[in-house]
């Protein structure tokens, strides 16, 4: 079972949400595609839910909040990360984001 870390944010805050990514002790390849999805609990992301993120060193990140890359509604969302690292495609829930 994966234990998801919960992050709380005020709906007026615009800030990067970052997820550390490790690859057998090495940094991730920044050529890999990285995307995030923010969905309700007990829901898996649909193709339309994915939004491109970016790399910042060993972290995948996305700007969340007003005028950011994504602006999730007030409520609690499961954060999913998708990394296209051919030949692998990694899709995992990585956290919980509570927007107040």
N, C-alpha and C. Protein backbone atom coordinates (compact mmCIF):
# COMPACT_ATOMS: atom_id res chain seq x y z
N UNK A 1 0.85 -1.19 0.00
CA UNK A 1 0.00 0.00 0.00
C UNK A 1 0.88 1.24 0.00
N UNK A 2 0.49 2.23 -0.77
CA UNK A 2 1.23 3.50 -0.84
C UNK A 2 0.62 4.47 0.17
N UNK A 3 1.47 5.07 1.00
CA UNK A 3 1.01 6.10 1.92
C UNK A 3 1.20 7.45 1.23
N UNK A 4 0.12 8.18 1.04
CA UNK A 4 0.18 9.45 0.32
C UNK A 4 0.33 10.60 1.29
N UNK A 5 1.27 11.49 1.02
CA UNK A 5 1.48 12.67 1.84
C UNK A 5 0.42 13.70 1.49
N UNK A 6 -0.16 14.34 2.51
CA UNK A 6 -1.18 15.36 2.26
C UNK A 6 -0.57 16.75 2.34
N UNK A 7 -0.88 17.55 1.35
CA UNK A 7 -0.44 18.95 1.29
C UNK A 7 -1.70 19.81 1.33
N UNK A 8 -1.68 20.84 2.16
CA UNK A 8 -2.82 21.77 2.24
C UNK A 8 -2.40 23.11 1.63
N UNK A 9 -3.29 23.66 0.82
CA UNK A 9 -3.04 24.96 0.19
C UNK A 9 -4.30 25.81 0.22
N UNK A 10 -4.12 27.09 0.43
CA UNK A 10 -5.22 28.04 0.31
C UNK A 10 -5.50 28.23 -1.17
N UNK A 11 -6.75 28.39 -1.55
CA UNK A 11 -7.13 28.51 -2.96
C UNK A 11 -6.53 29.73 -3.64
N UNK A 12 -6.03 30.70 -2.87
CA UNK A 12 -5.44 31.91 -3.43
C UNK A 12 -3.93 31.77 -3.67
N UNK A 13 -3.34 30.67 -3.21
CA UNK A 13 -1.90 30.44 -3.32
C UNK A 13 -1.54 29.87 -4.68
N UNK A 14 -0.46 30.40 -5.26
CA UNK A 14 0.11 29.85 -6.50
C UNK A 14 1.54 29.43 -6.15
N UNK A 15 1.79 28.12 -6.22
CA UNK A 15 3.07 27.60 -5.79
C UNK A 15 3.33 26.26 -6.48
N UNK A 16 4.61 25.95 -6.72
CA UNK A 16 4.95 24.66 -7.32
C UNK A 16 4.64 23.52 -6.35
N UNK A 17 4.10 22.45 -6.89
CA UNK A 17 3.94 21.20 -6.16
C UNK A 17 4.99 20.28 -6.75
N UNK A 18 5.93 19.82 -5.91
CA UNK A 18 7.06 19.03 -6.39
C UNK A 18 7.05 17.64 -5.79
N UNK A 19 7.48 16.67 -6.61
CA UNK A 19 7.54 15.26 -6.20
C UNK A 19 8.94 14.75 -6.51
N UNK A 20 9.68 14.28 -5.49
CA UNK A 20 11.00 13.70 -5.76
C UNK A 20 10.87 12.42 -6.58
N UNK A 21 11.75 12.24 -7.54
CA UNK A 21 11.74 11.06 -8.40
C UNK A 21 13.14 10.44 -8.36
N UNK A 22 13.22 9.16 -8.02
CA UNK A 22 14.51 8.46 -7.97
C UNK A 22 14.51 7.34 -9.00
N UNK A 23 15.66 7.10 -9.56
CA UNK A 23 15.82 6.02 -10.54
C UNK A 23 17.05 5.21 -10.14
N UNK A 24 16.82 4.22 -9.31
CA UNK A 24 17.90 3.34 -8.85
C UNK A 24 19.12 4.14 -8.42
N UNK A 25 18.90 5.17 -7.61
CA UNK A 25 19.98 5.98 -7.08
C UNK A 25 20.49 7.06 -8.02
N UNK A 26 19.97 7.12 -9.25
CA UNK A 26 20.41 8.14 -10.20
C UNK A 26 19.30 9.16 -10.42
N UNK A 27 19.68 10.31 -10.92
CA UNK A 27 18.69 11.35 -11.23
C UNK A 27 17.86 10.92 -12.43
N UNK A 28 16.60 11.39 -12.50
CA UNK A 28 15.77 11.06 -13.67
C UNK A 28 16.31 11.74 -14.92
N UNK A 29 15.97 11.19 -16.06
CA UNK A 29 16.33 11.75 -17.36
C UNK A 29 15.35 12.87 -17.67
N UNK A 30 15.83 14.08 -17.84
CA UNK A 30 14.94 15.22 -18.07
C UNK A 30 14.30 15.21 -19.45
N UNK A 31 14.65 14.24 -20.27
CA UNK A 31 13.99 14.05 -21.55
C UNK A 31 12.70 13.26 -21.42
N UNK A 32 12.48 12.66 -20.27
CA UNK A 32 11.25 11.92 -20.03
C UNK A 32 10.08 12.88 -19.94
N UNK A 33 8.94 12.49 -20.46
CA UNK A 33 7.73 13.29 -20.30
C UNK A 33 7.20 13.13 -18.88
N UNK A 34 6.71 14.21 -18.30
CA UNK A 34 6.16 14.16 -16.94
C UNK A 34 4.83 14.90 -16.93
N UNK A 35 3.81 14.26 -16.36
CA UNK A 35 2.47 14.85 -16.30
C UNK A 35 1.86 14.60 -14.92
N UNK A 36 0.93 15.49 -14.56
CA UNK A 36 0.20 15.38 -13.30
C UNK A 36 -1.29 15.34 -13.58
N UNK A 37 -2.01 14.68 -12.69
CA UNK A 37 -3.48 14.69 -12.71
C UNK A 37 -3.97 14.88 -11.28
N UNK A 38 -5.05 15.62 -11.13
CA UNK A 38 -5.66 15.89 -9.83
C UNK A 38 -7.10 15.41 -9.91
N UNK A 39 -7.41 14.32 -9.21
CA UNK A 39 -8.73 13.70 -9.33
C UNK A 39 -9.32 13.43 -7.95
N UNK A 40 -10.63 13.16 -7.92
CA UNK A 40 -11.30 12.81 -6.67
C UNK A 40 -10.79 11.47 -6.16
N UNK A 41 -10.93 11.27 -4.86
CA UNK A 41 -10.57 9.98 -4.27
C UNK A 41 -11.34 8.87 -4.95
N UNK A 42 -10.75 7.68 -5.00
CA UNK A 42 -11.37 6.50 -5.60
C UNK A 42 -11.63 6.67 -7.10
N UNK A 43 -10.90 7.59 -7.73
CA UNK A 43 -11.03 7.82 -9.17
C UNK A 43 -9.65 7.70 -9.80
N UNK A 44 -9.59 7.05 -10.93
CA UNK A 44 -8.34 6.99 -11.69
C UNK A 44 -8.40 8.08 -12.77
N UNK A 45 -7.25 8.67 -13.10
CA UNK A 45 -7.26 9.74 -14.10
C UNK A 45 -7.66 9.23 -15.48
N UNK A 46 -8.46 10.04 -16.16
CA UNK A 46 -8.78 9.82 -17.57
C UNK A 46 -7.73 10.57 -18.39
N UNK A 47 -7.65 10.27 -19.66
CA UNK A 47 -6.64 10.92 -20.51
C UNK A 47 -6.75 12.45 -20.45
N UNK A 48 -7.96 12.97 -20.38
CA UNK A 48 -8.17 14.43 -20.36
C UNK A 48 -7.73 15.08 -19.04
N UNK A 49 -7.48 14.29 -18.00
CA UNK A 49 -7.08 14.83 -16.69
C UNK A 49 -5.61 15.19 -16.61
N UNK A 50 -4.80 14.72 -17.53
CA UNK A 50 -3.35 14.90 -17.44
C UNK A 50 -2.92 16.28 -17.94
N UNK A 51 -1.98 16.90 -17.18
CA UNK A 51 -1.40 18.19 -17.53
C UNK A 51 0.11 18.09 -17.43
N UNK A 52 0.81 18.63 -18.41
CA UNK A 52 2.27 18.56 -18.43
C UNK A 52 2.89 19.28 -17.26
N UNK A 53 3.88 18.63 -16.68
CA UNK A 53 4.70 19.24 -15.64
C UNK A 53 6.09 19.50 -16.21
N UNK A 54 7.04 19.70 -15.32
CA UNK A 54 8.41 19.95 -15.74
C UNK A 54 9.37 19.35 -14.72
N UNK A 55 10.63 19.29 -15.09
CA UNK A 55 11.66 18.79 -14.20
C UNK A 55 12.40 19.93 -13.55
N UNK A 56 12.72 19.76 -12.27
CA UNK A 56 13.58 20.67 -11.53
C UNK A 56 14.56 19.78 -10.78
N UNK A 57 15.70 19.50 -11.42
CA UNK A 57 16.65 18.56 -10.84
C UNK A 57 16.00 17.18 -10.72
N UNK A 58 16.04 16.59 -9.52
CA UNK A 58 15.47 15.26 -9.34
C UNK A 58 13.97 15.27 -9.00
N UNK A 59 13.33 16.42 -9.19
CA UNK A 59 11.91 16.54 -8.84
C UNK A 59 11.07 16.84 -10.07
N UNK A 60 9.90 16.20 -10.11
CA UNK A 60 8.87 16.56 -11.10
C UNK A 60 8.02 17.63 -10.42
N UNK A 61 7.64 18.66 -11.15
CA UNK A 61 6.87 19.72 -10.52
C UNK A 61 5.85 20.32 -11.48
N UNK A 62 4.86 20.99 -10.86
CA UNK A 62 3.82 21.68 -11.62
C UNK A 62 3.39 22.89 -10.80
N UNK A 63 3.09 23.99 -11.47
CA UNK A 63 2.65 25.21 -10.80
C UNK A 63 1.15 25.14 -10.57
N UNK A 64 0.76 25.15 -9.28
CA UNK A 64 -0.63 24.96 -8.89
C UNK A 64 -1.19 26.25 -8.29
N UNK A 65 -2.37 26.64 -8.72
CA UNK A 65 -3.05 27.81 -8.15
C UNK A 65 -3.48 28.78 -9.22
N UNK A 66 -4.08 29.88 -8.80
CA UNK A 66 -4.58 30.88 -9.76
C UNK A 66 -3.47 31.34 -10.71
N UNK A 67 -3.77 31.30 -11.99
CA UNK A 67 -2.84 31.66 -13.06
C UNK A 67 -1.63 30.73 -13.12
N UNK A 68 -1.74 29.56 -12.49
CA UNK A 68 -0.69 28.55 -12.59
C UNK A 68 -0.98 27.62 -13.75
N UNK A 69 -0.29 26.53 -13.80
CA UNK A 69 -0.52 25.54 -14.85
C UNK A 69 -1.85 24.85 -14.65
N UNK A 70 -2.20 24.56 -13.39
CA UNK A 70 -3.50 23.98 -13.04
C UNK A 70 -4.07 24.72 -11.83
N UNK A 71 -5.40 24.80 -11.78
CA UNK A 71 -6.08 25.42 -10.65
C UNK A 71 -7.18 24.48 -10.17
N UNK A 72 -6.83 23.51 -9.31
CA UNK A 72 -7.84 22.58 -8.82
C UNK A 72 -8.90 23.31 -8.00
N UNK A 73 -10.12 22.80 -8.04
CA UNK A 73 -11.22 23.38 -7.27
C UNK A 73 -10.99 23.16 -5.78
N UNK A 74 -11.69 23.94 -4.97
CA UNK A 74 -11.66 23.73 -3.52
C UNK A 74 -12.12 22.30 -3.24
N UNK A 75 -11.40 21.62 -2.39
CA UNK A 75 -11.73 20.23 -2.06
C UNK A 75 -10.45 19.41 -1.94
N UNK A 76 -10.62 18.11 -1.85
CA UNK A 76 -9.49 17.20 -1.69
C UNK A 76 -9.29 16.40 -2.97
N UNK A 77 -8.06 16.37 -3.44
CA UNK A 77 -7.72 15.72 -4.70
C UNK A 77 -6.58 14.73 -4.49
N UNK A 78 -6.64 13.61 -5.18
CA UNK A 78 -5.50 12.70 -5.23
C UNK A 78 -4.62 13.17 -6.39
N UNK A 79 -3.32 13.31 -6.11
CA UNK A 79 -2.36 13.76 -7.12
C UNK A 79 -1.71 12.52 -7.72
N UNK A 80 -1.78 12.43 -9.05
CA UNK A 80 -1.16 11.33 -9.78
C UNK A 80 -0.01 11.88 -10.60
N UNK A 81 1.02 11.06 -10.77
CA UNK A 81 2.18 11.42 -11.58
C UNK A 81 2.33 10.36 -12.67
N UNK A 82 2.56 10.83 -13.91
CA UNK A 82 2.79 9.92 -15.03
C UNK A 82 4.12 10.32 -15.68
N UNK A 83 5.02 9.35 -15.76
CA UNK A 83 6.34 9.58 -16.35
C UNK A 83 6.50 8.63 -17.52
N UNK A 84 6.74 9.20 -18.69
CA UNK A 84 6.98 8.41 -19.90
C UNK A 84 8.48 8.25 -20.05
N UNK A 85 8.98 7.08 -19.63
CA UNK A 85 10.41 6.78 -19.64
C UNK A 85 10.62 5.51 -20.46
N UNK A 86 10.55 5.63 -21.80
CA UNK A 86 10.60 4.45 -22.65
C UNK A 86 11.72 3.49 -22.27
N UNK A 87 11.43 2.20 -22.21
CA UNK A 87 10.19 1.55 -22.62
C UNK A 87 9.13 1.54 -21.51
N UNK A 88 9.40 2.18 -20.38
CA UNK A 88 8.46 2.15 -19.26
C UNK A 88 7.51 3.35 -19.30
N UNK A 89 6.34 3.15 -18.72
CA UNK A 89 5.37 4.22 -18.49
C UNK A 89 4.92 4.05 -17.04
N UNK A 90 5.33 4.98 -16.19
CA UNK A 90 5.05 4.89 -14.76
C UNK A 90 3.85 5.78 -14.44
N UNK A 91 2.82 5.21 -13.82
CA UNK A 91 1.62 5.96 -13.43
C UNK A 91 1.32 5.59 -11.99
N UNK A 92 1.44 6.57 -11.08
CA UNK A 92 1.28 6.30 -9.65
C UNK A 92 0.59 7.47 -8.95
N UNK A 93 -0.21 7.17 -7.93
CA UNK A 93 -0.69 8.25 -7.05
C UNK A 93 0.49 8.67 -6.17
N UNK A 94 0.69 9.97 -5.99
CA UNK A 94 1.87 10.44 -5.25
C UNK A 94 1.52 11.34 -4.06
N UNK A 95 0.28 11.73 -3.92
CA UNK A 95 -0.06 12.60 -2.80
C UNK A 95 -1.51 12.99 -2.78
N UNK A 96 -1.86 13.75 -1.75
CA UNK A 96 -3.21 14.28 -1.60
C UNK A 96 -3.07 15.79 -1.47
N UNK A 97 -3.83 16.52 -2.23
CA UNK A 97 -3.82 17.98 -2.20
C UNK A 97 -5.16 18.47 -1.72
N UNK A 98 -5.16 19.17 -0.60
CA UNK A 98 -6.39 19.75 -0.06
C UNK A 98 -6.37 21.25 -0.33
N UNK A 99 -7.31 21.71 -1.14
CA UNK A 99 -7.44 23.14 -1.46
C UNK A 99 -8.57 23.69 -0.59
N UNK A 100 -8.23 24.73 0.20
CA UNK A 100 -9.23 25.33 1.10
C UNK A 100 -9.56 26.74 0.70
